[in-house]
């Protein structure tokens, strides 16, 4: 499902500029300026082209030109000598804030909300709402977003409020020091804990989907049953890696797709014999998958922090109905 990671680290130099290092994931060969424009939709194309022309961008340690094609994932380093202006509209939005400090903000993202802007989708995202509520995020790469959730996945996310916390938390994320636990309601029974280690890559036909691919990227999910119902299960999934749609792909691989997730195998007719369950499943709530818990070390105190996000109303209603039907 991907809890998508923007693996990045910055460090300052003597001229008060800073170096922004990150890993650029590349699925298909493309020009570097187009790849960077997709990675930084909040920055203008002219800003990115200026960085390239001034040799402020290094690809795997080497300078590049705008027309250079990148054929595989690479390391990118940008020397940012002045604060770039951002193309981001601040939009008032109801955001569920779990906690906040001077260094980070922890939110419970609603299902149906895109995490950040992207080409063709510049409004209505969590990023727009955060920029309205916390305008100082304009000074942080990607306005503090270091990981994301799929549009229809709800739950806990952490946002960095300054460069120091961005560096500290990004390094934890890169080094797999975050503990990320998800919960999902799936069809059929998962009656024992299982570790799925199946590589994931872009689907060969439907480019919007991911699939198990022998030449894909390593993907590891630890799945544990919480409650087993008559025709469904409530499971907890720990992400060891963070590939696009990872949880959804791995659960589909097990023949236990997430309820509501028609892209990865859920059929709306599955509960046709249970009228109450069928009524309880909200057709507008597209997948019963929730980022439940996130643990990381505090940038100032180094204390381990653990945050949990309440289930959405739709998730709780279905969970309670599954319990009720099971006990009848």
C-alpha atoms as a PDB file:
ATOM      1  CA  UNK A   1       0.000   0.000   0.000  1.00  0.00           C
ATOM      2  CA  UNK A   2       2.773   2.256   0.210  1.00  0.00           C
ATOM      3  CA  UNK A   3       3.484   4.281   3.148  1.00  0.00           C
ATOM      4  CA  UNK A   4       5.583   6.049   0.562  1.00  0.00           C
ATOM      5  CA  UNK A   5       8.979   7.243   1.791  1.00  0.00           C
ATOM      6  CA  UNK A   6      10.619  10.404   0.549  1.00  0.00           C
ATOM      7  CA  UNK A   7      14.066   9.296   1.687  1.00  0.00           C
ATOM      8  CA  UNK A   8      15.963  12.525   2.155  1.00  0.00           C
ATOM      9  CA  UNK A   9      18.648  14.179   4.234  1.00  0.00           C
ATOM     10  CA  UNK A  10      19.864  17.748   4.261  1.00  0.00           C
ATOM     11  CA  UNK A  11      23.065  19.229   5.645  1.00  0.00           C
ATOM     12  CA  UNK A  12      24.210  22.834   5.902  1.00  0.00           C
ATOM     13  CA  UNK A  13      27.418  24.293   4.513  1.00  0.00           C
ATOM     14  CA  UNK A  14      29.462  27.371   5.398  1.00  0.00           C
ATOM     15  CA  UNK A  15      27.496  29.671   3.058  1.00  0.00           C
ATOM     16  CA  UNK A  16      24.148  29.148   4.831  1.00  0.00           C
ATOM     17  CA  UNK A  17      22.864  27.140   1.888  1.00  0.00           C
ATOM     18  CA  UNK A  18      21.968  23.523   2.415  1.00  0.00           C
ATOM     19  CA  UNK A  19      22.367  20.268   0.563  1.00  0.00           C
ATOM     20  CA  UNK A  20      19.254  18.186   0.025  1.00  0.00           C
ATOM     21  CA  UNK A  21      20.055  14.515  -0.600  1.00  0.00           C
ATOM     22  CA  UNK A  22      17.431  11.949  -1.523  1.00  0.00           C
ATOM     23  CA  UNK A  23      16.828   8.746  -3.423  1.00  0.00           C
ATOM     24  CA  UNK A  24      14.844   9.184  -6.640  1.00  0.00           C
ATOM     25  CA  UNK A  25      12.882   6.063  -7.531  1.00  0.00           C
ATOM     26  CA  UNK A  26      12.561   5.552 -11.294  1.00  0.00           C
ATOM     27  CA  UNK A  27      10.081   3.089 -12.833  1.00  0.00           C
ATOM     28  CA  UNK A  28      10.628   4.036 -16.478  1.00  0.00           C
ATOM     29  CA  UNK A  29      13.406   5.964 -18.304  1.00  0.00           C
ATOM     30  CA  UNK A  30      12.657   9.694 -18.357  1.00  0.00           C
ATOM     31  CA  UNK A  31      14.384  13.069 -18.654  1.00  0.00           C
ATOM     32  CA  UNK A  32      15.813  14.280 -15.365  1.00  0.00           C
ATOM     33  CA  UNK A  33      13.964  17.618 -15.457  1.00  0.00           C
ATOM     34  CA  UNK A  34      10.621  15.821 -15.875  1.00  0.00           C
ATOM     35  CA  UNK A  35      11.402  13.360 -13.089  1.00  0.00           C
ATOM     36  CA  UNK A  36      12.352  16.165 -10.713  1.00  0.00           C
ATOM     37  CA  UNK A  37       9.268  18.181 -11.664  1.00  0.00           C
ATOM     38  CA  UNK A  38       7.119  15.174 -10.737  1.00  0.00           C
ATOM     39  CA  UNK A  39       9.051  14.718  -7.479  1.00  0.00           C
ATOM     40  CA  UNK A  40       8.765  18.440  -6.586  1.00  0.00           C
ATOM     41  CA  UNK A  41       5.356  19.544  -7.925  1.00  0.00           C
ATOM     42  CA  UNK A  42       5.373  22.461  -5.469  1.00  0.00           C
ATOM     43  CA  UNK A  43       8.444  23.985  -7.192  1.00  0.00           C
ATOM     44  CA  UNK A  44       8.228  25.649 -10.591  1.00  0.00           C
ATOM     45  CA  UNK A  45       9.843  24.012 -13.623  1.00  0.00           C
ATOM     46  CA  UNK A  46      12.019  27.135 -14.000  1.00  0.00           C
ATOM     47  CA  UNK A  47      13.380  26.647 -10.448  1.00  0.00           C
ATOM     48  CA  UNK A  48      14.364  23.064 -11.269  1.00  0.00           C
ATOM     49  CA  UNK A  49      15.886  24.089 -14.603  1.00  0.00           C
ATOM     50  CA  UNK A  50      17.890  26.821 -12.863  1.00  0.00           C
ATOM     51  CA  UNK A  51      19.277  24.298 -10.386  1.00  0.00           C
ATOM     52  CA  UNK A  52      20.347  22.080 -13.281  1.00  0.00           C
ATOM     53  CA  UNK A  53      21.859  24.970 -15.312  1.00  0.00           C
ATOM     54  CA  UNK A  54      23.837  26.162 -12.268  1.00  0.00           C
ATOM     55  CA  UNK A  55      25.170  22.634 -11.666  1.00  0.00           C
ATOM     56  CA  UNK A  56      23.402  22.623  -8.302  1.00  0.00           C
ATOM     57  CA  UNK A  57      22.046  19.141  -8.967  1.00  0.00           C
ATOM     58  CA  UNK A  58      24.201  16.028  -8.891  1.00  0.00           C
ATOM     59  CA  UNK A  59      22.942  12.635 -10.078  1.00  0.00           C
ATOM     60  CA  UNK A  60      24.983   9.864  -8.468  1.00  0.00           C
ATOM     61  CA  UNK A  61      27.633  12.499  -7.770  1.00  0.00           C
ATOM     62  CA  UNK A  62      27.790  13.918 -11.312  1.00  0.00           C
ATOM     63  CA  UNK A  63      26.363  17.074 -12.876  1.00  0.00           C
ATOM     64  CA  UNK A  64      23.605  16.713 -15.449  1.00  0.00           C
ATOM     65  CA  UNK A  65      21.762  18.566 -18.196  1.00  0.00           C
ATOM     66  CA  UNK A  66      17.993  18.974 -18.517  1.00  0.00           C
ATOM     67  CA  UNK A  67      17.754  16.472 -21.361  1.00  0.00           C
ATOM     68  CA  UNK A  68      19.746  13.719 -19.659  1.00  0.00           C
ATOM     69  CA  UNK A  69      17.676  10.563 -19.329  1.00  0.00           C
ATOM     70  CA  UNK A  70      17.659   8.571 -16.110  1.00  0.00           C
ATOM     71  CA  UNK A  71      17.056   4.872 -16.646  1.00  0.00           C
ATOM     72  CA  UNK A  72      17.108   3.594 -13.068  1.00  0.00           C
ATOM     73  CA  UNK A  73      16.737   4.772  -9.481  1.00  0.00           C
ATOM     74  CA  UNK A  74      19.498   7.134  -8.440  1.00  0.00           C
ATOM     75  CA  UNK A  75      20.890   9.331  -5.675  1.00  0.00           C
ATOM     76  CA  UNK A  76      20.176  13.047  -6.082  1.00  0.00           C
ATOM     77  CA  UNK A  77      21.931  15.916  -4.316  1.00  0.00           C
ATOM     78  CA  UNK A  78      20.668  19.509  -4.621  1.00  0.00           C
ATOM     79  CA  UNK A  79      22.589  22.535  -3.363  1.00  0.00           C
ATOM     80  CA  UNK A  80      19.853  25.005  -2.413  1.00  0.00           C
ATOM     81  CA  UNK A  81      21.443  28.432  -2.074  1.00  0.00           C
ATOM     82  CA  UNK A  82      18.254  30.428  -1.468  1.00  0.00           C
ATOM     83  CA  UNK A  83      14.755  29.589  -0.347  1.00  0.00           C
ATOM     84  CA  UNK A  84      12.821  28.638  -3.501  1.00  0.00           C
ATOM     85  CA  UNK A  85       9.285  29.947  -3.887  1.00  0.00           C
ATOM     86  CA  UNK A  86       6.657  27.237  -3.918  1.00  0.00           C
ATOM     87  CA  UNK A  87       3.596  26.802  -6.127  1.00  0.00           C
ATOM     88  CA  UNK A  88       1.239  25.669  -3.407  1.00  0.00           C
ATOM     89  CA  UNK A  89      -2.168  27.071  -2.535  1.00  0.00           C
ATOM     90  CA  UNK A  90      -2.996  27.311   1.154  1.00  0.00           C
ATOM     91  CA  UNK A  91      -6.469  25.850   1.732  1.00  0.00           C
ATOM     92  CA  UNK A  92      -8.456  25.819   4.942  1.00  0.00           C
ATOM     93  CA  UNK A  93      -9.155  22.230   5.888  1.00  0.00           C
ATOM     94  CA  UNK A  94     -10.343  20.233   8.877  1.00  0.00           C
ATOM     95  CA  UNK A  95      -7.233  18.285   9.944  1.00  0.00           C
ATOM     96  CA  UNK A  96      -7.247  15.815  12.828  1.00  0.00           C
ATOM     97  CA  UNK A  97      -4.098  16.746  14.783  1.00  0.00           C
ATOM     98  CA  UNK A  98      -3.038  13.927  17.107  1.00  0.00           C
ATOM     99  CA  UNK A  99      -0.071  15.818  18.582  1.00  0.00           C
ATOM    100  CA  UNK A 100       2.396  18.559  17.711  1.00  0.00           C
ATOM    101  CA  UNK A 101       5.694  19.921  18.964  1.00  0.00           C
ATOM    102  CA  UNK A 102       8.157  22.532  17.720  1.00  0.00           C
ATOM    103  CA  UNK A 103       9.687  19.797  15.561  1.00  0.00           C
ATOM    104  CA  UNK A 104       6.834  17.767  14.116  1.00  0.00           C
ATOM    105  CA  UNK A 105       3.095  17.405  13.638  1.00  0.00           C
ATOM    106  CA  UNK A 106       1.298  14.059  13.901  1.00  0.00           C
ATOM    107  CA  UNK A 107      -1.993  13.838  12.001  1.00  0.00           C
ATOM    108  CA  UNK A 108      -4.737  11.310  11.432  1.00  0.00           C
ATOM    109  CA  UNK A 109      -5.343  11.552   7.670  1.00  0.00           C
ATOM    110  CA  UNK A 110      -8.875  11.004   6.470  1.00  0.00           C
ATOM    111  CA  UNK A 111      -9.654   8.382   3.862  1.00  0.00           C
ATOM    112  CA  UNK A 112     -10.285   9.971   0.468  1.00  0.00           C
ATOM    113  CA  UNK A 113      -7.723  12.756   0.960  1.00  0.00           C
ATOM    114  CA  UNK A 114      -4.563  12.798  -1.162  1.00  0.00           C
ATOM    115  CA  UNK A 115      -1.424  13.342   0.930  1.00  0.00           C
ATOM    116  CA  UNK A 116       0.372  15.826  -1.324  1.00  0.00           C
ATOM    117  CA  UNK A 117      -0.033  17.656  -4.601  1.00  0.00           C
ATOM    118  CA  UNK A 118       0.984  16.047  -7.879  1.00  0.00           C
ATOM    119  CA  UNK A 119       0.833  17.034 -11.546  1.00  0.00           C
ATOM    120  CA  UNK A 120      -2.840  17.526 -12.363  1.00  0.00           C
ATOM    121  CA  UNK A 121      -3.875  17.487  -8.704  1.00  0.00           C
ATOM    122  CA  UNK A 122      -2.927  20.771  -7.064  1.00  0.00           C
ATOM    123  CA  UNK A 123      -5.727  21.326  -4.567  1.00  0.00           C
ATOM    124  CA  UNK A 124      -7.701  19.537  -1.876  1.00  0.00           C
ATOM    125  CA  UNK A 125      -4.685  17.632  -0.556  1.00  0.00           C
ATOM    126  CA  UNK A 126      -3.472  17.298   3.005  1.00  0.00           C
ATOM    127  CA  UNK A 127      -0.420  19.310   1.926  1.00  0.00           C
ATOM    128  CA  UNK A 128      -2.648  22.273   0.970  1.00  0.00           C
ATOM    129  CA  UNK A 129      -4.351  22.130   4.348  1.00  0.00           C
ATOM    130  CA  UNK A 130      -1.094  21.851   6.290  1.00  0.00           C
ATOM    131  CA  UNK A 131       0.364  24.835   4.418  1.00  0.00           C
ATOM    132  CA  UNK A 132      -2.680  26.916   5.436  1.00  0.00           C
ATOM    133  CA  UNK A 133      -2.408  25.946   9.103  1.00  0.00           C
ATOM    134  CA  UNK A 134       1.414  25.936   9.270  1.00  0.00           C
ATOM    135  CA  UNK A 135       2.784  28.411   6.658  1.00  0.00           C
ATOM    136  CA  UNK A 136       6.312  27.983   8.032  1.00  0.00           C
ATOM    137  CA  UNK A 137       6.372  24.571   6.339  1.00  0.00           C
ATOM    138  CA  UNK A 138       7.298  26.393   3.122  1.00  0.00           C
ATOM    139  CA  UNK A 139      10.869  26.512   4.485  1.00  0.00           C
ATOM    140  CA  UNK A 140      11.125  22.716   4.725  1.00  0.00           C
ATOM    141  CA  UNK A 141      11.701  20.408   1.712  1.00  0.00           C
ATOM    142  CA  UNK A 142       8.393  19.043   0.434  1.00  0.00           C
ATOM    143  CA  UNK A 143       6.721  21.182   3.143  1.00  0.00           C
ATOM    144  CA  UNK A 144       7.805  18.654   5.755  1.00  0.00           C
ATOM    145  CA  UNK A 145       6.226  15.558   4.210  1.00  0.00           C
ATOM    146  CA  UNK A 146       8.638  12.613   4.449  1.00  0.00           C
ATOM    147  CA  UNK A 147       6.192   9.753   3.844  1.00  0.00           C
ATOM    148  CA  UNK A 148       2.672   9.399   2.551  1.00  0.00           C
ATOM    149  CA  UNK A 149      -0.431   7.251   2.607  1.00  0.00           C
ATOM    150  CA  UNK A 150      -2.517   6.249  -0.402  1.00  0.00           C
ATOM    151  CA  UNK A 151      -5.548   8.458  -1.008  1.00  0.00           C
ATOM    152  CA  UNK A 152      -8.008   5.914   0.384  1.00  0.00           C
ATOM    153  CA  UNK A 153      -5.850   4.803   3.321  1.00  0.00           C
ATOM    154  CA  UNK A 154      -6.561   6.629   6.562  1.00  0.00           C
ATOM    155  CA  UNK A 155      -4.369   7.040   9.612  1.00  0.00           C
ATOM    156  CA  UNK A 156      -1.253   8.374  11.230  1.00  0.00           C
ATOM    157  CA  UNK A 157       1.402  10.485   9.486  1.00  0.00           C
ATOM    158  CA  UNK A 158       4.243  12.630  10.843  1.00  0.00           C
ATOM    159  CA  UNK A 159       5.162  16.001   9.295  1.00  0.00           C
ATOM    160  CA  UNK A 160       8.494  17.753   9.965  1.00  0.00           C
ATOM    161  CA  UNK A 161       8.333  21.419  11.002  1.00  0.00           C
ATOM    162  CA  UNK A 162      11.966  22.437  10.499  1.00  0.00           C
ATOM    163  CA  UNK A 163      15.147  21.372   8.727  1.00  0.00           C
ATOM    164  CA  UNK A 164      16.716  19.778  11.799  1.00  0.00           C
ATOM    165  CA  UNK A 165      13.730  17.517  12.490  1.00  0.00           C
ATOM    166  CA  UNK A 166      13.437  16.783   8.756  1.00  0.00           C
ATOM    167  CA  UNK A 167      17.003  15.509   8.770  1.00  0.00           C
ATOM    168  CA  UNK A 168      16.637  13.531  12.017  1.00  0.00           C
ATOM    169  CA  UNK A 169      13.347  11.837  11.130  1.00  0.00           C
ATOM    170  CA  UNK A 170      14.300  11.213   7.488  1.00  0.00           C
ATOM    171  CA  UNK A 171      17.421   9.375   8.621  1.00  0.00           C
ATOM    172  CA  UNK A 172      15.332   7.188  10.939  1.00  0.00           C
ATOM    173  CA  UNK A 173      12.984   6.438   8.084  1.00  0.00           C
ATOM    174  CA  UNK A 174      15.835   5.545   5.718  1.00  0.00           C
ATOM    175  CA  UNK A 175      17.413   3.316   8.346  1.00  0.00           C
ATOM    176  CA  UNK A 176      14.083   1.539   8.942  1.00  0.00           C
ATOM    177  CA  UNK A 177      13.874   2.778  12.527  1.00  0.00           C
ATOM    178  CA  UNK A 178      10.226   3.790  12.238  1.00  0.00           C
ATOM    179  CA  UNK A 179       7.745   1.124  13.351  1.00  0.00           C
ATOM    180  CA  UNK A 180       4.626   1.316  11.190  1.00  0.00           C
ATOM    181  CA  UNK A 181       1.596  -0.802  12.031  1.00  0.00           C
ATOM    182  CA  UNK A 182      -1.493  -0.929   9.843  1.00  0.00           C
ATOM    183  CA  UNK A 183      -4.842  -2.554  10.403  1.00  0.00           C
ATOM    184  CA  UNK A 184      -7.123  -3.956   7.744  1.00  0.00           C
ATOM    185  CA  UNK A 185     -10.432  -5.743   7.360  1.00  0.00           C
ATOM    186  CA  UNK A 186     -10.007  -8.478   4.754  1.00  0.00           C
ATOM    187  CA  UNK A 187     -12.151 -11.201   3.234  1.00  0.00           C
ATOM    188  CA  UNK A 188     -11.737 -14.843   4.223  1.00  0.00           C
ATOM    189  CA  UNK A 189      -9.724 -16.088   7.186  1.00  0.00           C
ATOM    190  CA  UNK A 190      -6.105 -15.471   8.095  1.00  0.00           C
ATOM    191  CA  UNK A 191      -5.685 -17.745  11.096  1.00  0.00           C
ATOM    192  CA  UNK A 192      -1.957 -17.475  11.762  1.00  0.00           C
ATOM    193  CA  UNK A 193       0.851 -14.954  11.585  1.00  0.00           C
ATOM    194  CA  UNK A 194       2.725 -14.892   8.306  1.00  0.00           C
ATOM    195  CA  UNK A 195       5.614 -12.999   6.750  1.00  0.00           C
ATOM    196  CA  UNK A 196       5.135 -12.208   3.065  1.00  0.00           C
ATOM    197  CA  UNK A 197       8.383 -11.626   1.170  1.00  0.00           C
ATOM    198  CA  UNK A 198       7.301 -11.141  -2.419  1.00  0.00           C
ATOM    199  CA  UNK A 199       8.945  -8.505  -4.655  1.00  0.00           C
ATOM    200  CA  UNK A 200       6.704  -5.803  -6.060  1.00  0.00           C
ATOM    201  CA  UNK A 201       6.894  -3.934  -9.354  1.00  0.00           C
ATOM    202  CA  UNK A 202       4.686  -1.972 -11.713  1.00  0.00           C
ATOM    203  CA  UNK A 203       1.919  -4.076 -13.319  1.00  0.00           C
ATOM    204  CA  UNK A 204       2.948  -4.885 -16.918  1.00  0.00           C
ATOM    205  CA  UNK A 205      -0.434  -3.874 -18.379  1.00  0.00           C
ATOM    206  CA  UNK A 206      -2.230  -1.586 -15.916  1.00  0.00           C
ATOM    207  CA  UNK A 207       0.368   1.044 -15.018  1.00  0.00           C
ATOM    208  CA  UNK A 208      -1.772   2.328 -12.142  1.00  0.00           C
ATOM    209  CA  UNK A 209      -1.436  -1.023 -10.384  1.00  0.00           C
ATOM    210  CA  UNK A 210       1.429  -2.843  -8.744  1.00  0.00           C
ATOM    211  CA  UNK A 211       1.909  -6.615  -8.763  1.00  0.00           C
ATOM    212  CA  UNK A 212       4.195  -9.411  -7.628  1.00  0.00           C
ATOM    213  CA  UNK A 213       7.165  -9.351 -10.023  1.00  0.00           C
ATOM    214  CA  UNK A 214      10.208 -11.632  -9.896  1.00  0.00           C
ATOM    215  CA  UNK A 215      12.387  -8.666 -10.884  1.00  0.00           C
ATOM    216  CA  UNK A 216      10.540  -6.221  -8.615  1.00  0.00           C
ATOM    217  CA  UNK A 217      11.821  -4.476  -5.516  1.00  0.00           C
ATOM    218  CA  UNK A 218      12.115  -6.317  -2.216  1.00  0.00           C
ATOM    219  CA  UNK A 219       8.910  -6.079  -0.192  1.00  0.00           C
ATOM    220  CA  UNK A 220       8.339  -7.533   3.287  1.00  0.00           C
ATOM    221  CA  UNK A 221       5.083  -7.474   5.263  1.00  0.00           C
ATOM    222  CA  UNK A 222       4.488  -9.105   8.655  1.00  0.00           C
ATOM    223  CA  UNK A 223       0.813 -10.026   8.985  1.00  0.00           C
ATOM    224  CA  UNK A 224      -0.846 -10.979  12.269  1.00  0.00           C
ATOM    225  CA  UNK A 225      -4.519 -11.905  12.786  1.00  0.00           C
ATOM    226  CA  UNK A 226      -6.318  -9.890  15.465  1.00  0.00           C
ATOM    227  CA  UNK A 227      -9.821 -11.349  15.124  1.00  0.00           C
ATOM    228  CA  UNK A 228     -11.169 -14.105  12.880  1.00  0.00           C
ATOM    229  CA  UNK A 229     -14.813 -13.796  11.838  1.00  0.00           C
ATOM    230  CA  UNK A 230     -17.036 -16.148   9.839  1.00  0.00           C
ATOM    231  CA  UNK A 231     -16.033 -14.844   6.412  1.00  0.00           C
ATOM    232  CA  UNK A 232     -13.511 -12.124   7.192  1.00  0.00           C
ATOM    233  CA  UNK A 233     -10.523 -11.252   9.364  1.00  0.00           C
ATOM    234  CA  UNK A 234      -9.200  -8.233  11.198  1.00  0.00           C
ATOM    235  CA  UNK A 235      -5.410  -8.150  10.755  1.00  0.00           C
ATOM    236  CA  UNK A 236      -2.432  -6.063  11.746  1.00  0.00           C
ATOM    237  CA  UNK A 237       0.369  -5.539   9.245  1.00  0.00           C
ATOM    238  CA  UNK A 238       3.858  -4.298  10.040  1.00  0.00           C
ATOM    239  CA  UNK A 239       5.636  -2.801   7.057  1.00  0.00           C
ATOM    240  CA  UNK A 240       9.307  -3.683   6.936  1.00  0.00           C
ATOM    241  CA  UNK A 241       9.676  -2.075   3.503  1.00  0.00           C
ATOM    242  CA  UNK A 242       7.439   0.580   1.986  1.00  0.00           C
ATOM    243  CA  UNK A 243       6.576  -0.180  -1.621  1.00  0.00           C
ATOM    244  CA  UNK A 244       3.687   1.355  -3.502  1.00  0.00           C
ATOM    245  CA  UNK A 245       0.423  -0.453  -2.584  1.00  0.00           C
ATOM    246  CA  UNK A 246       2.502  -3.032  -0.682  1.00  0.00           C
ATOM    247  CA  UNK A 247      -0.078  -4.151   1.881  1.00  0.00           C
ATOM    248  CA  UNK A 248      -2.845  -4.274  -0.704  1.00  0.00           C
ATOM    249  CA  UNK A 249      -0.719  -6.325  -3.120  1.00  0.00           C
ATOM    250  CA  UNK A 250       0.506  -8.758  -0.461  1.00  0.00           C
ATOM    251  CA  UNK A 251      -2.978  -9.349   0.985  1.00  0.00           C
ATOM    252  CA  UNK A 252      -4.344  -9.883  -2.521  1.00  0.00           C
ATOM    253  CA  UNK A 253      -1.512 -12.352  -3.145  1.00  0.00           C
ATOM    254  CA  UNK A 254      -2.725 -14.315  -0.091  1.00  0.00           C
ATOM    255  CA  UNK A 255      -6.274 -14.296  -1.557  1.00  0.00           C
ATOM    256  CA  UNK A 256      -7.387 -12.022   1.293  1.00  0.00           C
ATOM    257  CA  UNK A 257      -7.908  -8.643  -0.381  1.00  0.00           C
ATOM    258  CA  UNK A 258      -8.841  -5.624   1.705  1.00  0.00           C
ATOM    259  CA  UNK A 259     -12.606  -5.143   1.882  1.00  0.00           C
ATOM    260  CA  UNK A 260     -13.594  -2.465  -0.615  1.00  0.00           C
ATOM    261  CA  UNK A 261     -10.352  -2.673  -2.600  1.00  0.00           C
ATOM    262  CA  UNK A 262     -11.710  -3.655  -6.013  1.00  0.00           C
ATOM    263  CA  UNK A 263      -8.392  -2.820  -7.693  1.00  0.00           C
ATOM    264  CA  UNK A 264      -6.764  -5.772  -5.925  1.00  0.00           C
ATOM    265  CA  UNK A 265      -9.432  -8.430  -6.014  1.00  0.00           C
ATOM    266  CA  UNK A 266     -12.300  -7.525  -3.702  1.00  0.00           C
ATOM    267  CA  UNK A 267     -15.686  -8.406  -5.226  1.00  0.00           C
ATOM    268  CA  UNK A 268     -18.748  -6.452  -4.125  1.00  0.00           C
ATOM    269  CA  UNK A 269     -20.768  -9.680  -4.268  1.00  0.00           C
ATOM    270  CA  UNK A 270     -18.643 -11.387  -1.590  1.00  0.00           C
ATOM    271  CA  UNK A 271     -21.053 -10.516   1.242  1.00  0.00           C
ATOM    272  CA  UNK A 272     -24.216 -10.737  -0.880  1.00  0.00           C
ATOM    273  CA  UNK A 273     -25.707 -13.380   1.437  1.00  0.00           C
ATOM    274  CA  UNK A 274     -25.328 -11.147   4.487  1.00  0.00           C
ATOM    275  CA  UNK A 275     -27.702  -8.222   4.101  1.00  0.00           C
ATOM    276  CA  UNK A 276     -26.528  -6.363   7.218  1.00  0.00           C
ATOM    277  CA  UNK A 277     -22.858  -6.589   6.246  1.00  0.00           C
ATOM    278  CA  UNK A 278     -23.656  -5.545   2.694  1.00  0.00           C
ATOM    279  CA  UNK A 279     -25.523  -2.487   4.024  1.00  0.00           C
ATOM    280  CA  UNK A 280     -22.714  -1.614   6.435  1.00  0.00           C
ATOM    281  CA  UNK A 281     -19.979  -1.582   3.792  1.00  0.00           C
ATOM    282  CA  UNK A 282     -19.916   2.016   2.603  1.00  0.00           C
ATOM    283  CA  UNK A 283     -19.475   2.128  -1.207  1.00  0.00           C
ATOM    284  CA  UNK A 284     -17.811   5.556  -0.859  1.00  0.00           C
ATOM    285  CA  UNK A 285     -15.258   4.226   1.637  1.00  0.00           C
ATOM    286  CA  UNK A 286     -13.015   2.540  -0.898  1.00  0.00           C
ATOM    287  CA  UNK A 287     -10.740   0.417   1.285  1.00  0.00           C
ATOM    288  CA  UNK A 288     -10.829  -0.676   4.912  1.00  0.00           C
ATOM    289  CA  UNK A 289      -7.122  -0.109   5.504  1.00  0.00           C
ATOM    290  CA  UNK A 290      -5.859   2.139   8.303  1.00  0.00           C
ATOM    291  CA  UNK A 291      -2.413   3.333   9.388  1.00  0.00           C
ATOM    292  CA  UNK A 292      -2.934   2.571  13.063  1.00  0.00           C
ATOM    293  CA  UNK A 293       0.369   3.203  14.822  1.00  0.00           C
ATOM    294  CA  UNK A 294       3.661   4.991  14.205  1.00  0.00           C
ATOM    295  CA  UNK A 295       6.746   4.924  16.447  1.00  0.00           C
ATOM    296  CA  UNK A 296       9.911   7.020  16.122  1.00  0.00           C
ATOM    297  CA  UNK A 297      12.488   8.777  18.289  1.00  0.00           C
ATOM    298  CA  UNK A 298      11.901  12.416  19.210  1.00  0.00           C
ATOM    299  CA  UNK A 299      14.391  14.769  17.471  1.00  0.00           C
ATOM    300  CA  UNK A 300      15.210  16.677  20.685  1.00  0.00           C
ATOM    301  CA  UNK A 301      14.956  14.107  23.492  1.00  0.00           C
ATOM    302  CA  UNK A 302      15.683  10.906  21.534  1.00  0.00           C
ATOM    303  CA  UNK A 303      12.760   9.431  23.466  1.00  0.00           C
ATOM    304  CA  UNK A 304      10.726   6.784  21.659  1.00  0.00           C
ATOM    305  CA  UNK A 305       7.318   8.184  20.740  1.00  0.00           C
ATOM    306  CA  UNK A 306       4.360   6.049  19.733  1.00  0.00           C
ATOM    307  CA  UNK A 307       1.188   7.518  18.256  1.00  0.00           C
ATOM    308  CA  UNK A 308      -2.032   5.754  17.349  1.00  0.00           C
ATOM    309  CA  UNK A 309      -4.874   6.993  15.156  1.00  0.00           C
ATOM    310  CA  UNK A 310      -8.537   6.279  15.847  1.00  0.00           C
ATOM    311  CA  UNK A 311     -10.375   4.229  13.248  1.00  0.00           C
ATOM    312  CA  UNK A 312     -12.616   6.129  10.837  1.00  0.00           C
ATOM    313  CA  UNK A 313     -16.330   5.862  11.624  1.00  0.00           C
ATOM    314  CA  UNK A 314     -16.916   3.604   8.598  1.00  0.00           C
ATOM    315  CA  UNK A 315     -14.155   1.225   9.708  1.00  0.00           C
ATOM    316  CA  UNK A 316     -15.546   0.966  13.253  1.00  0.00           C
ATOM    317  CA  UNK A 317     -19.085   0.353  11.993  1.00  0.00           C
ATOM    318  CA  UNK A 318     -17.995  -2.554   9.801  1.00  0.00           C
ATOM    319  CA  UNK A 319     -15.740  -4.009  12.508  1.00  0.00           C
ATOM    320  CA  UNK A 320     -18.641  -3.951  14.989  1.00  0.00           C
ATOM    321  CA  UNK A 321     -21.040  -5.517  12.480  1.00  0.00           C
ATOM    322  CA  UNK A 322     -18.555  -8.319  11.728  1.00  0.00           C
ATOM    323  CA  UNK A 323     -18.321  -8.984  15.488  1.00  0.00           C
ATOM    324  CA  UNK A 324     -22.101  -8.956  15.875  1.00  0.00           C
ATOM    325  CA  UNK A 325     -22.664 -11.337  12.947  1.00  0.00           C
ATOM    326  CA  UNK A 326     -19.941 -13.677  14.212  1.00  0.00           C
ATOM    327  CA  UNK A 327     -21.557 -13.896  17.653  1.00  0.00           C
ATOM    328  CA  UNK A 328     -25.078 -14.531  16.348  1.00  0.00           C
END
